[in-house]
Amino acid sequence: MSSLESNNKGSAGERLVAQFFDSQYSRFFSFPDPKTKSNAQVADVLLWKNRLVLLVEIKTRAKGSSSINLWIRNKIQEAVEQITKNYN
């Protein structure tokens, strides 16, 4: 799978998750693709409910040679780094 195909699937996944949160929590509490003041993406979806804020980062997997466990660890690390970098 090409990186363009993977990116399209990733964008589709982000839209599906954003639509889910919009339908469950309304747009008053769900913010797709939140940005910092410097226009860096914080996460794919920010969900704000009272004193709780959830940052959701969506990842898609193209078929590859790495094991699912290794892929999961790498993607979680990438998401943590993105959120941490853009939070500070």
N, C-alpha and C. Protein backbone atom coordinates (compact mmCIF):
# COMPACT_ATOMS: atom_id res chain seq x y z
N MET A 1 0.85 -1.18 0.00
CA MET A 1 0.00 0.00 0.00
C MET A 1 0.89 1.23 0.00
N SER A 2 0.57 2.18 -0.84
CA SER A 2 1.38 3.40 -0.92
C SER A 2 1.08 4.30 0.27
N SER A 3 1.99 5.26 0.51
CA SER A 3 1.77 6.19 1.62
C SER A 3 0.55 7.06 1.38
N LEU A 4 0.21 7.35 0.10
CA LEU A 4 -0.98 8.12 -0.22
C LEU A 4 -2.23 7.36 0.16
N GLU A 5 -2.28 6.06 -0.17
CA GLU A 5 -3.42 5.24 0.21
C GLU A 5 -3.54 5.16 1.72
N SER A 6 -2.43 4.97 2.40
CA SER A 6 -2.43 4.91 3.86
C SER A 6 -2.91 6.22 4.46
N ASN A 7 -2.46 7.35 3.89
CA ASN A 7 -2.88 8.66 4.37
C ASN A 7 -4.38 8.85 4.17
N ASN A 8 -4.92 8.41 3.01
CA ASN A 8 -6.35 8.52 2.76
C ASN A 8 -7.14 7.68 3.75
N LYS A 9 -6.66 6.47 4.05
CA LYS A 9 -7.33 5.63 5.03
C LYS A 9 -7.23 6.26 6.42
N GLY A 10 -6.10 6.88 6.71
CA GLY A 10 -5.95 7.56 8.00
C GLY A 10 -6.91 8.72 8.13
N SER A 11 -7.05 9.51 7.06
CA SER A 11 -7.99 10.63 7.07
C SER A 11 -9.42 10.14 7.22
N ALA A 12 -9.75 9.05 6.53
CA ALA A 12 -11.09 8.48 6.64
C ALA A 12 -11.34 8.00 8.07
N GLY A 13 -10.34 7.37 8.67
CA GLY A 13 -10.47 6.93 10.06
C GLY A 13 -10.67 8.09 11.01
N GLU A 14 -9.92 9.17 10.79
CA GLU A 14 -10.07 10.36 11.63
C GLU A 14 -11.47 10.94 11.51
N ARG A 15 -12.01 11.00 10.28
CA ARG A 15 -13.36 11.52 10.08
C ARG A 15 -14.40 10.65 10.77
N LEU A 16 -14.26 9.32 10.65
CA LEU A 16 -15.21 8.41 11.29
C LEU A 16 -15.21 8.57 12.81
N VAL A 17 -14.04 8.67 13.40
CA VAL A 17 -13.95 8.82 14.85
C VAL A 17 -14.50 10.18 15.28
N ALA A 18 -14.20 11.24 14.51
CA ALA A 18 -14.73 12.57 14.82
C ALA A 18 -16.25 12.58 14.73
N GLN A 19 -16.81 11.92 13.72
CA GLN A 19 -18.27 11.83 13.58
C GLN A 19 -18.88 11.06 14.74
N PHE A 20 -18.22 9.99 15.16
CA PHE A 20 -18.72 9.22 16.31
C PHE A 20 -18.80 10.11 17.56
N PHE A 21 -17.71 10.82 17.87
CA PHE A 21 -17.72 11.66 19.06
C PHE A 21 -18.72 12.80 18.93
N ASP A 22 -18.87 13.37 17.73
CA ASP A 22 -19.87 14.42 17.51
C ASP A 22 -21.26 13.89 17.79
N SER A 23 -21.55 12.67 17.33
CA SER A 23 -22.89 12.11 17.52
C SER A 23 -23.15 11.71 18.97
N GLN A 24 -22.10 11.34 19.70
CA GLN A 24 -22.27 10.91 21.09
C GLN A 24 -22.19 12.06 22.09
N TYR A 25 -21.41 13.08 21.80
CA TYR A 25 -21.16 14.14 22.78
C TYR A 25 -21.51 15.53 22.27
N SER A 26 -21.92 15.66 21.06
CA SER A 26 -22.24 16.91 20.38
C SER A 26 -20.98 17.73 20.13
N ARG A 27 -21.09 18.67 19.24
CA ARG A 27 -19.94 19.50 18.86
C ARG A 27 -19.53 20.47 19.97
N PHE A 28 -20.35 20.59 21.00
CA PHE A 28 -19.99 21.46 22.11
C PHE A 28 -18.85 20.86 22.94
N PHE A 29 -18.69 19.53 22.86
CA PHE A 29 -17.68 18.86 23.68
C PHE A 29 -16.62 18.15 22.86
N SER A 30 -16.81 18.03 21.55
CA SER A 30 -15.91 17.28 20.68
C SER A 30 -15.30 18.21 19.65
N PHE A 31 -13.96 18.21 19.57
CA PHE A 31 -13.25 19.12 18.67
C PHE A 31 -12.30 18.33 17.78
N PRO A 32 -12.66 18.14 16.50
CA PRO A 32 -11.75 17.42 15.60
C PRO A 32 -10.57 18.30 15.20
N ASP A 33 -9.40 17.67 15.13
CA ASP A 33 -8.17 18.31 14.65
C ASP A 33 -7.83 19.61 15.38
N PRO A 34 -7.77 19.58 16.74
CA PRO A 34 -7.44 20.81 17.47
C PRO A 34 -6.00 21.23 17.21
N LYS A 35 -5.78 22.53 17.17
CA LYS A 35 -4.46 23.10 16.86
C LYS A 35 -3.97 23.97 18.01
N THR A 36 -2.66 24.11 18.10
CA THR A 36 -2.05 25.03 19.05
C THR A 36 -2.05 26.43 18.44
N LYS A 37 -1.59 27.41 19.20
CA LYS A 37 -1.48 28.77 18.68
C LYS A 37 -0.54 28.85 17.48
N SER A 38 0.44 27.96 17.44
CA SER A 38 1.39 27.94 16.31
C SER A 38 0.92 27.03 15.18
N ASN A 39 -0.35 26.61 15.23
CA ASN A 39 -0.99 25.80 14.19
C ASN A 39 -0.48 24.37 14.10
N ALA A 40 0.07 23.83 15.18
CA ALA A 40 0.49 22.43 15.22
C ALA A 40 -0.68 21.59 15.73
N GLN A 41 -0.88 20.43 15.12
CA GLN A 41 -1.97 19.56 15.53
C GLN A 41 -1.68 18.95 16.90
N VAL A 42 -2.63 19.07 17.81
CA VAL A 42 -2.48 18.49 19.15
C VAL A 42 -2.84 17.01 19.13
N ALA A 43 -3.97 16.67 18.53
CA ALA A 43 -4.46 15.30 18.42
C ALA A 43 -5.46 15.27 17.28
N ASP A 44 -5.99 14.09 17.00
CA ASP A 44 -7.01 14.01 15.95
C ASP A 44 -8.37 14.47 16.45
N VAL A 45 -8.67 14.18 17.70
CA VAL A 45 -9.92 14.63 18.32
C VAL A 45 -9.64 15.00 19.77
N LEU A 46 -10.22 16.11 20.21
CA LEU A 46 -10.17 16.49 21.62
C LEU A 46 -11.58 16.39 22.15
N LEU A 47 -11.78 15.64 23.22
CA LEU A 47 -13.09 15.48 23.85
C LEU A 47 -13.02 16.11 25.23
N TRP A 48 -13.91 17.07 25.47
CA TRP A 48 -13.90 17.81 26.73
C TRP A 48 -15.21 17.56 27.45
N LYS A 49 -15.14 16.97 28.63
CA LYS A 49 -16.32 16.64 29.42
C LYS A 49 -16.05 17.01 30.86
N ASN A 50 -16.66 18.10 31.32
CA ASN A 50 -16.45 18.62 32.67
C ASN A 50 -14.97 18.87 32.93
N ARG A 51 -14.37 18.15 33.87
CA ARG A 51 -12.95 18.34 34.18
C ARG A 51 -12.06 17.34 33.47
N LEU A 52 -12.62 16.56 32.59
CA LEU A 52 -11.88 15.52 31.88
C LEU A 52 -11.66 15.93 30.43
N VAL A 53 -10.42 15.82 29.97
CA VAL A 53 -10.09 16.07 28.58
C VAL A 53 -9.41 14.81 28.03
N LEU A 54 -9.95 14.30 26.93
CA LEU A 54 -9.34 13.15 26.27
C LEU A 54 -8.78 13.62 24.94
N LEU A 55 -7.55 13.23 24.67
CA LEU A 55 -6.93 13.49 23.38
C LEU A 55 -6.86 12.16 22.64
N VAL A 56 -7.48 12.11 21.47
CA VAL A 56 -7.58 10.88 20.70
C VAL A 56 -6.71 11.01 19.46
N GLU A 57 -5.84 10.04 19.26
CA GLU A 57 -4.96 10.03 18.10
C GLU A 57 -5.27 8.75 17.32
N ILE A 58 -5.69 8.88 16.06
CA ILE A 58 -6.06 7.73 15.25
C ILE A 58 -4.88 7.32 14.38
N LYS A 59 -4.62 6.02 14.35
CA LYS A 59 -3.55 5.46 13.51
C LYS A 59 -4.14 4.34 12.67
N THR A 60 -3.68 4.22 11.43
CA THR A 60 -4.09 3.11 10.57
C THR A 60 -2.87 2.27 10.23
N ARG A 61 -3.12 1.02 9.91
CA ARG A 61 -2.00 0.11 9.65
C ARG A 61 -2.06 -0.42 8.23
N ALA A 62 -1.00 -0.21 7.51
CA ALA A 62 -0.84 -0.83 6.20
C ALA A 62 -0.20 -2.19 6.42
N LYS A 63 -0.50 -3.12 5.57
CA LYS A 63 0.13 -4.43 5.70
C LYS A 63 1.64 -4.27 5.60
N GLY A 64 2.32 -4.89 6.51
CA GLY A 64 3.77 -4.79 6.52
C GLY A 64 4.39 -6.01 7.15
N SER A 65 5.69 -5.98 7.23
CA SER A 65 6.40 -7.14 7.75
C SER A 65 6.51 -7.13 9.27
N SER A 66 6.25 -5.99 9.91
CA SER A 66 6.39 -5.95 11.37
C SER A 66 5.18 -6.61 12.04
N SER A 67 5.42 -7.12 13.22
CA SER A 67 4.34 -7.78 13.96
C SER A 67 3.35 -6.72 14.46
N ILE A 68 2.15 -7.16 14.74
CA ILE A 68 1.12 -6.23 15.22
C ILE A 68 1.53 -5.61 16.56
N ASN A 69 2.18 -6.38 17.42
CA ASN A 69 2.61 -5.85 18.72
C ASN A 69 3.66 -4.75 18.56
N LEU A 70 4.60 -4.96 17.66
CA LEU A 70 5.63 -3.94 17.40
C LEU A 70 4.99 -2.69 16.79
N TRP A 71 4.08 -2.89 15.84
CA TRP A 71 3.39 -1.76 15.21
C TRP A 71 2.62 -0.95 16.25
N ILE A 72 1.90 -1.64 17.13
CA ILE A 72 1.12 -0.96 18.18
C ILE A 72 2.04 -0.14 19.08
N ARG A 73 3.12 -0.73 19.53
CA ARG A 73 4.06 -0.01 20.39
C ARG A 73 4.61 1.24 19.70
N ASN A 74 5.00 1.10 18.44
CA ASN A 74 5.53 2.24 17.69
C ASN A 74 4.50 3.34 17.52
N LYS A 75 3.26 2.98 17.19
CA LYS A 75 2.22 3.99 16.98
C LYS A 75 1.81 4.67 18.28
N ILE A 76 1.78 3.92 19.37
CA ILE A 76 1.48 4.54 20.67
C ILE A 76 2.58 5.53 21.02
N GLN A 77 3.83 5.14 20.79
CA GLN A 77 4.96 6.04 21.07
C GLN A 77 4.87 7.29 20.21
N GLU A 78 4.55 7.14 18.91
CA GLU A 78 4.39 8.30 18.03
C GLU A 78 3.29 9.23 18.53
N ALA A 79 2.16 8.66 18.93
CA ALA A 79 1.03 9.48 19.41
C ALA A 79 1.40 10.21 20.69
N VAL A 80 2.07 9.53 21.61
CA VAL A 80 2.49 10.16 22.87
C VAL A 80 3.46 11.30 22.59
N GLU A 81 4.40 11.07 21.68
CA GLU A 81 5.37 12.12 21.34
C GLU A 81 4.68 13.33 20.71
N GLN A 82 3.72 13.09 19.82
CA GLN A 82 3.01 14.20 19.17
C GLN A 82 2.22 15.00 20.19
N ILE A 83 1.50 14.32 21.05
CA ILE A 83 0.68 15.02 22.05
C ILE A 83 1.58 15.77 23.03
N THR A 84 2.66 15.12 23.49
CA THR A 84 3.57 15.75 24.45
C THR A 84 4.25 16.97 23.84
N LYS A 85 4.75 16.84 22.61
CA LYS A 85 5.44 17.92 21.94
C LYS A 85 4.52 19.14 21.77
N ASN A 86 3.30 18.91 21.36
CA ASN A 86 2.38 20.01 21.07
C ASN A 86 1.64 20.51 22.29
N TYR A 87 1.71 19.79 23.38
CA TYR A 87 1.09 20.25 24.63
C TYR A 87 1.94 21.31 25.29
N ASN A 88 3.26 21.14 25.25
CA ASN A 88 4.17 22.05 25.95
C ASN A 88 4.32 23.37 25.27
